[in-house]
Amino acid sequence: LHNNLSESDIREFVKRRKISGCTKSDNGRDSLDTFLSLKKTCQRHGISFWHYLEDRIKKLGKIPQLCEFIVNSP
């Protein structure tokens, strides 16, 4: 058994924290956590994170919600 997936999930956050320091507020931390989680989920399902954000912000509806990808993944 190993925890490589768990380790790789937090790797990007740890690198950012070392470079730029911590967030200045709880809201900033929550926002960073949310966006990093969305980015990792998009990567795992082969979705462009930026295209996903654009789809959500512009309300295009071209990309299904991430929960649909998660439920339908093997």
N, C-alpha and C. Protein backbone atom coordinates (compact mmCIF):
# COMPACT_ATOMS: atom_id res chain seq x y z
N LEU A 1 0.83 -1.18 0.00
CA LEU A 1 0.00 0.00 0.00
C LEU A 1 0.87 1.24 0.00
N HIS A 2 0.35 2.27 -0.61
CA HIS A 2 1.08 3.54 -0.63
C HIS A 2 0.07 4.69 -0.67
N ASN A 3 0.56 5.87 -0.45
CA ASN A 3 -0.31 7.04 -0.44
C ASN A 3 0.11 8.04 -1.52
N ASN A 4 0.61 7.53 -2.64
CA ASN A 4 1.12 8.41 -3.69
C ASN A 4 0.05 9.37 -4.21
N LEU A 5 -1.19 8.93 -4.36
CA LEU A 5 -2.24 9.82 -4.86
C LEU A 5 -2.51 10.94 -3.86
N SER A 6 -2.54 10.60 -2.59
CA SER A 6 -2.76 11.64 -1.57
C SER A 6 -1.60 12.62 -1.54
N GLU A 7 -0.40 12.10 -1.66
CA GLU A 7 0.78 12.98 -1.66
C GLU A 7 0.77 13.90 -2.87
N SER A 8 0.43 13.37 -4.03
CA SER A 8 0.43 14.21 -5.23
C SER A 8 -0.70 15.23 -5.20
N ASP A 9 -1.78 14.94 -4.50
CA ASP A 9 -2.88 15.89 -4.39
C ASP A 9 -2.47 17.17 -3.68
N ILE A 10 -1.62 17.06 -2.69
CA ILE A 10 -1.24 18.25 -1.93
C ILE A 10 0.09 18.85 -2.39
N ARG A 11 0.79 18.18 -3.30
CA ARG A 11 2.10 18.65 -3.75
C ARG A 11 2.04 20.07 -4.28
N GLU A 12 1.08 20.38 -5.16
CA GLU A 12 0.99 21.71 -5.75
C GLU A 12 0.75 22.77 -4.68
N PHE A 13 -0.11 22.48 -3.72
CA PHE A 13 -0.40 23.42 -2.65
C PHE A 13 0.85 23.70 -1.83
N VAL A 14 1.60 22.66 -1.51
CA VAL A 14 2.82 22.81 -0.71
C VAL A 14 3.84 23.66 -1.46
N LYS A 15 4.01 23.43 -2.76
CA LYS A 15 4.95 24.23 -3.54
C LYS A 15 4.54 25.70 -3.56
N ARG A 16 3.26 25.96 -3.75
CA ARG A 16 2.78 27.36 -3.76
C ARG A 16 3.01 28.02 -2.41
N ARG A 17 2.73 27.30 -1.35
CA ARG A 17 2.89 27.86 -0.01
C ARG A 17 4.35 28.22 0.26
N LYS A 18 5.28 27.37 -0.19
CA LYS A 18 6.69 27.64 0.02
C LYS A 18 7.15 28.87 -0.75
N ILE A 19 6.60 29.06 -1.94
CA ILE A 19 7.01 30.18 -2.78
C ILE A 19 6.39 31.49 -2.32
N SER A 20 5.09 31.50 -2.09
CA SER A 20 4.40 32.76 -1.85
C SER A 20 3.96 32.97 -0.41
N GLY A 21 4.19 32.03 0.45
CA GLY A 21 3.73 32.16 1.83
C GLY A 21 2.27 31.74 1.92
N CYS A 22 1.68 32.00 3.04
CA CYS A 22 0.29 31.57 3.27
C CYS A 22 -0.68 32.65 2.83
N THR A 23 -1.94 32.29 2.75
CA THR A 23 -2.97 33.28 2.45
C THR A 23 -3.15 34.18 3.66
N LYS A 24 -3.75 35.33 3.45
CA LYS A 24 -3.86 36.32 4.52
C LYS A 24 -5.18 36.23 5.27
N SER A 25 -6.09 35.40 4.78
CA SER A 25 -7.39 35.29 5.44
C SER A 25 -7.94 33.89 5.31
N ASP A 26 -8.93 33.58 6.11
CA ASP A 26 -9.60 32.28 6.01
C ASP A 26 -10.31 32.15 4.66
N ASN A 27 -10.89 33.25 4.18
CA ASN A 27 -11.56 33.21 2.88
C ASN A 27 -10.56 32.91 1.76
N GLY A 28 -9.37 33.49 1.86
CA GLY A 28 -8.33 33.23 0.87
C GLY A 28 -7.91 31.77 0.88
N ARG A 29 -7.75 31.22 2.08
CA ARG A 29 -7.37 29.80 2.20
C ARG A 29 -8.46 28.90 1.61
N ASP A 30 -9.72 29.21 1.94
CA ASP A 30 -10.83 28.41 1.43
C ASP A 30 -10.91 28.49 -0.09
N SER A 31 -10.70 29.68 -0.63
CA SER A 31 -10.73 29.87 -2.07
C SER A 31 -9.61 29.08 -2.75
N LEU A 32 -8.41 29.17 -2.21
CA LEU A 32 -7.27 28.43 -2.76
C LEU A 32 -7.53 26.93 -2.72
N ASP A 33 -8.02 26.44 -1.60
CA ASP A 33 -8.34 25.01 -1.47
C ASP A 33 -9.36 24.57 -2.51
N THR A 34 -10.39 25.39 -2.70
CA THR A 34 -11.45 25.05 -3.65
C THR A 34 -10.91 24.99 -5.07
N PHE A 35 -10.15 26.01 -5.47
CA PHE A 35 -9.64 26.04 -6.84
C PHE A 35 -8.62 24.94 -7.10
N LEU A 36 -7.77 24.65 -6.13
CA LEU A 36 -6.82 23.55 -6.32
C LEU A 36 -7.53 22.21 -6.43
N SER A 37 -8.58 22.04 -5.66
CA SER A 37 -9.36 20.80 -5.73
C SER A 37 -10.04 20.67 -7.10
N LEU A 38 -10.63 21.77 -7.57
CA LEU A 38 -11.25 21.76 -8.90
C LEU A 38 -10.22 21.44 -9.98
N LYS A 39 -9.05 22.05 -9.88
CA LYS A 39 -8.00 21.83 -10.87
C LYS A 39 -7.57 20.36 -10.90
N LYS A 40 -7.34 19.77 -9.73
CA LYS A 40 -6.93 18.37 -9.67
C LYS A 40 -8.01 17.45 -10.22
N THR A 41 -9.26 17.73 -9.89
CA THR A 41 -10.36 16.90 -10.39
C THR A 41 -10.45 16.99 -11.91
N CYS A 42 -10.31 18.19 -12.45
CA CYS A 42 -10.31 18.36 -13.90
C CYS A 42 -9.18 17.57 -14.54
N GLN A 43 -7.98 17.66 -13.97
CA GLN A 43 -6.83 16.94 -14.51
C GLN A 43 -7.08 15.44 -14.53
N ARG A 44 -7.64 14.91 -13.46
CA ARG A 44 -7.87 13.46 -13.38
C ARG A 44 -8.86 12.97 -14.42
N HIS A 45 -9.74 13.85 -14.87
CA HIS A 45 -10.77 13.44 -15.82
C HIS A 45 -10.51 13.99 -17.23
N GLY A 46 -9.31 14.52 -17.45
CA GLY A 46 -8.92 14.97 -18.78
C GLY A 46 -9.65 16.20 -19.27
N ILE A 47 -10.02 17.08 -18.36
CA ILE A 47 -10.74 18.30 -18.70
C ILE A 47 -9.78 19.47 -18.50
N SER A 48 -9.78 20.42 -19.43
CA SER A 48 -8.99 21.63 -19.26
C SER A 48 -9.60 22.45 -18.14
N PHE A 49 -8.80 22.75 -17.12
CA PHE A 49 -9.28 23.54 -15.98
C PHE A 49 -9.77 24.91 -16.44
N TRP A 50 -9.01 25.56 -17.32
CA TRP A 50 -9.38 26.90 -17.78
C TRP A 50 -10.64 26.87 -18.61
N HIS A 51 -10.81 25.84 -19.45
CA HIS A 51 -12.05 25.72 -20.23
C HIS A 51 -13.23 25.47 -19.30
N TYR A 52 -13.00 24.69 -18.26
CA TYR A 52 -14.06 24.42 -17.29
C TYR A 52 -14.48 25.71 -16.58
N LEU A 53 -13.50 26.49 -16.13
CA LEU A 53 -13.82 27.76 -15.46
C LEU A 53 -14.56 28.71 -16.40
N GLU A 54 -14.08 28.79 -17.64
CA GLU A 54 -14.73 29.66 -18.62
C GLU A 54 -16.18 29.23 -18.85
N ASP A 55 -16.39 27.91 -18.95
CA ASP A 55 -17.73 27.38 -19.15
C ASP A 55 -18.65 27.75 -17.99
N ARG A 56 -18.13 27.69 -16.78
CA ARG A 56 -18.94 28.02 -15.60
C ARG A 56 -19.20 29.52 -15.48
N ILE A 57 -18.16 30.33 -15.71
CA ILE A 57 -18.30 31.78 -15.56
C ILE A 57 -19.24 32.35 -16.62
N LYS A 58 -19.09 31.89 -17.86
CA LYS A 58 -19.93 32.40 -18.95
C LYS A 58 -21.27 31.67 -19.06
N LYS A 59 -21.46 30.65 -18.21
CA LYS A 59 -22.68 29.85 -18.19
C LYS A 59 -23.02 29.28 -19.57
N LEU A 60 -22.00 28.69 -20.20
CA LEU A 60 -22.17 28.11 -21.53
C LEU A 60 -22.85 26.74 -21.49
N GLY A 61 -22.56 25.96 -20.48
CA GLY A 61 -23.17 24.64 -20.34
C GLY A 61 -22.64 23.60 -21.30
N LYS A 62 -21.46 23.84 -21.89
CA LYS A 62 -20.88 22.88 -22.82
C LYS A 62 -20.18 21.73 -22.11
N ILE A 63 -19.65 21.98 -20.94
CA ILE A 63 -18.95 20.96 -20.16
C ILE A 63 -19.85 20.52 -19.01
N PRO A 64 -20.10 19.22 -18.89
CA PRO A 64 -20.95 18.75 -17.79
C PRO A 64 -20.33 19.07 -16.43
N GLN A 65 -21.15 19.05 -15.39
CA GLN A 65 -20.65 19.28 -14.04
C GLN A 65 -19.67 18.17 -13.68
N LEU A 66 -18.71 18.51 -12.83
CA LEU A 66 -17.68 17.53 -12.46
C LEU A 66 -18.27 16.31 -11.77
N CYS A 67 -19.36 16.48 -11.05
CA CYS A 67 -19.95 15.32 -10.38
C CYS A 67 -20.38 14.26 -11.38
N GLU A 68 -20.77 14.65 -12.58
CA GLU A 68 -21.15 13.68 -13.61
C GLU A 68 -19.93 12.86 -14.04
N PHE A 69 -18.78 13.50 -14.14
CA PHE A 69 -17.56 12.78 -14.49
C PHE A 69 -17.17 11.81 -13.38
N ILE A 70 -17.30 12.27 -12.15
CA ILE A 70 -16.91 11.44 -11.00
C ILE A 70 -17.80 10.22 -10.88
N VAL A 71 -19.10 10.41 -11.01
CA VAL A 71 -20.05 9.31 -10.88
C VAL A 71 -19.86 8.29 -12.00
N ASN A 72 -19.55 8.77 -13.20
CA ASN A 72 -19.45 7.88 -14.36
C ASN A 72 -18.04 7.32 -14.57
N SER A 73 -17.07 7.68 -13.71
CA SER A 73 -15.72 7.16 -13.89
C SER A 73 -15.63 5.72 -13.37
N PRO A 74 -14.74 4.93 -13.98
CA PRO A 74 -14.61 3.51 -13.58
C PRO A 74 -14.02 3.33 -12.20
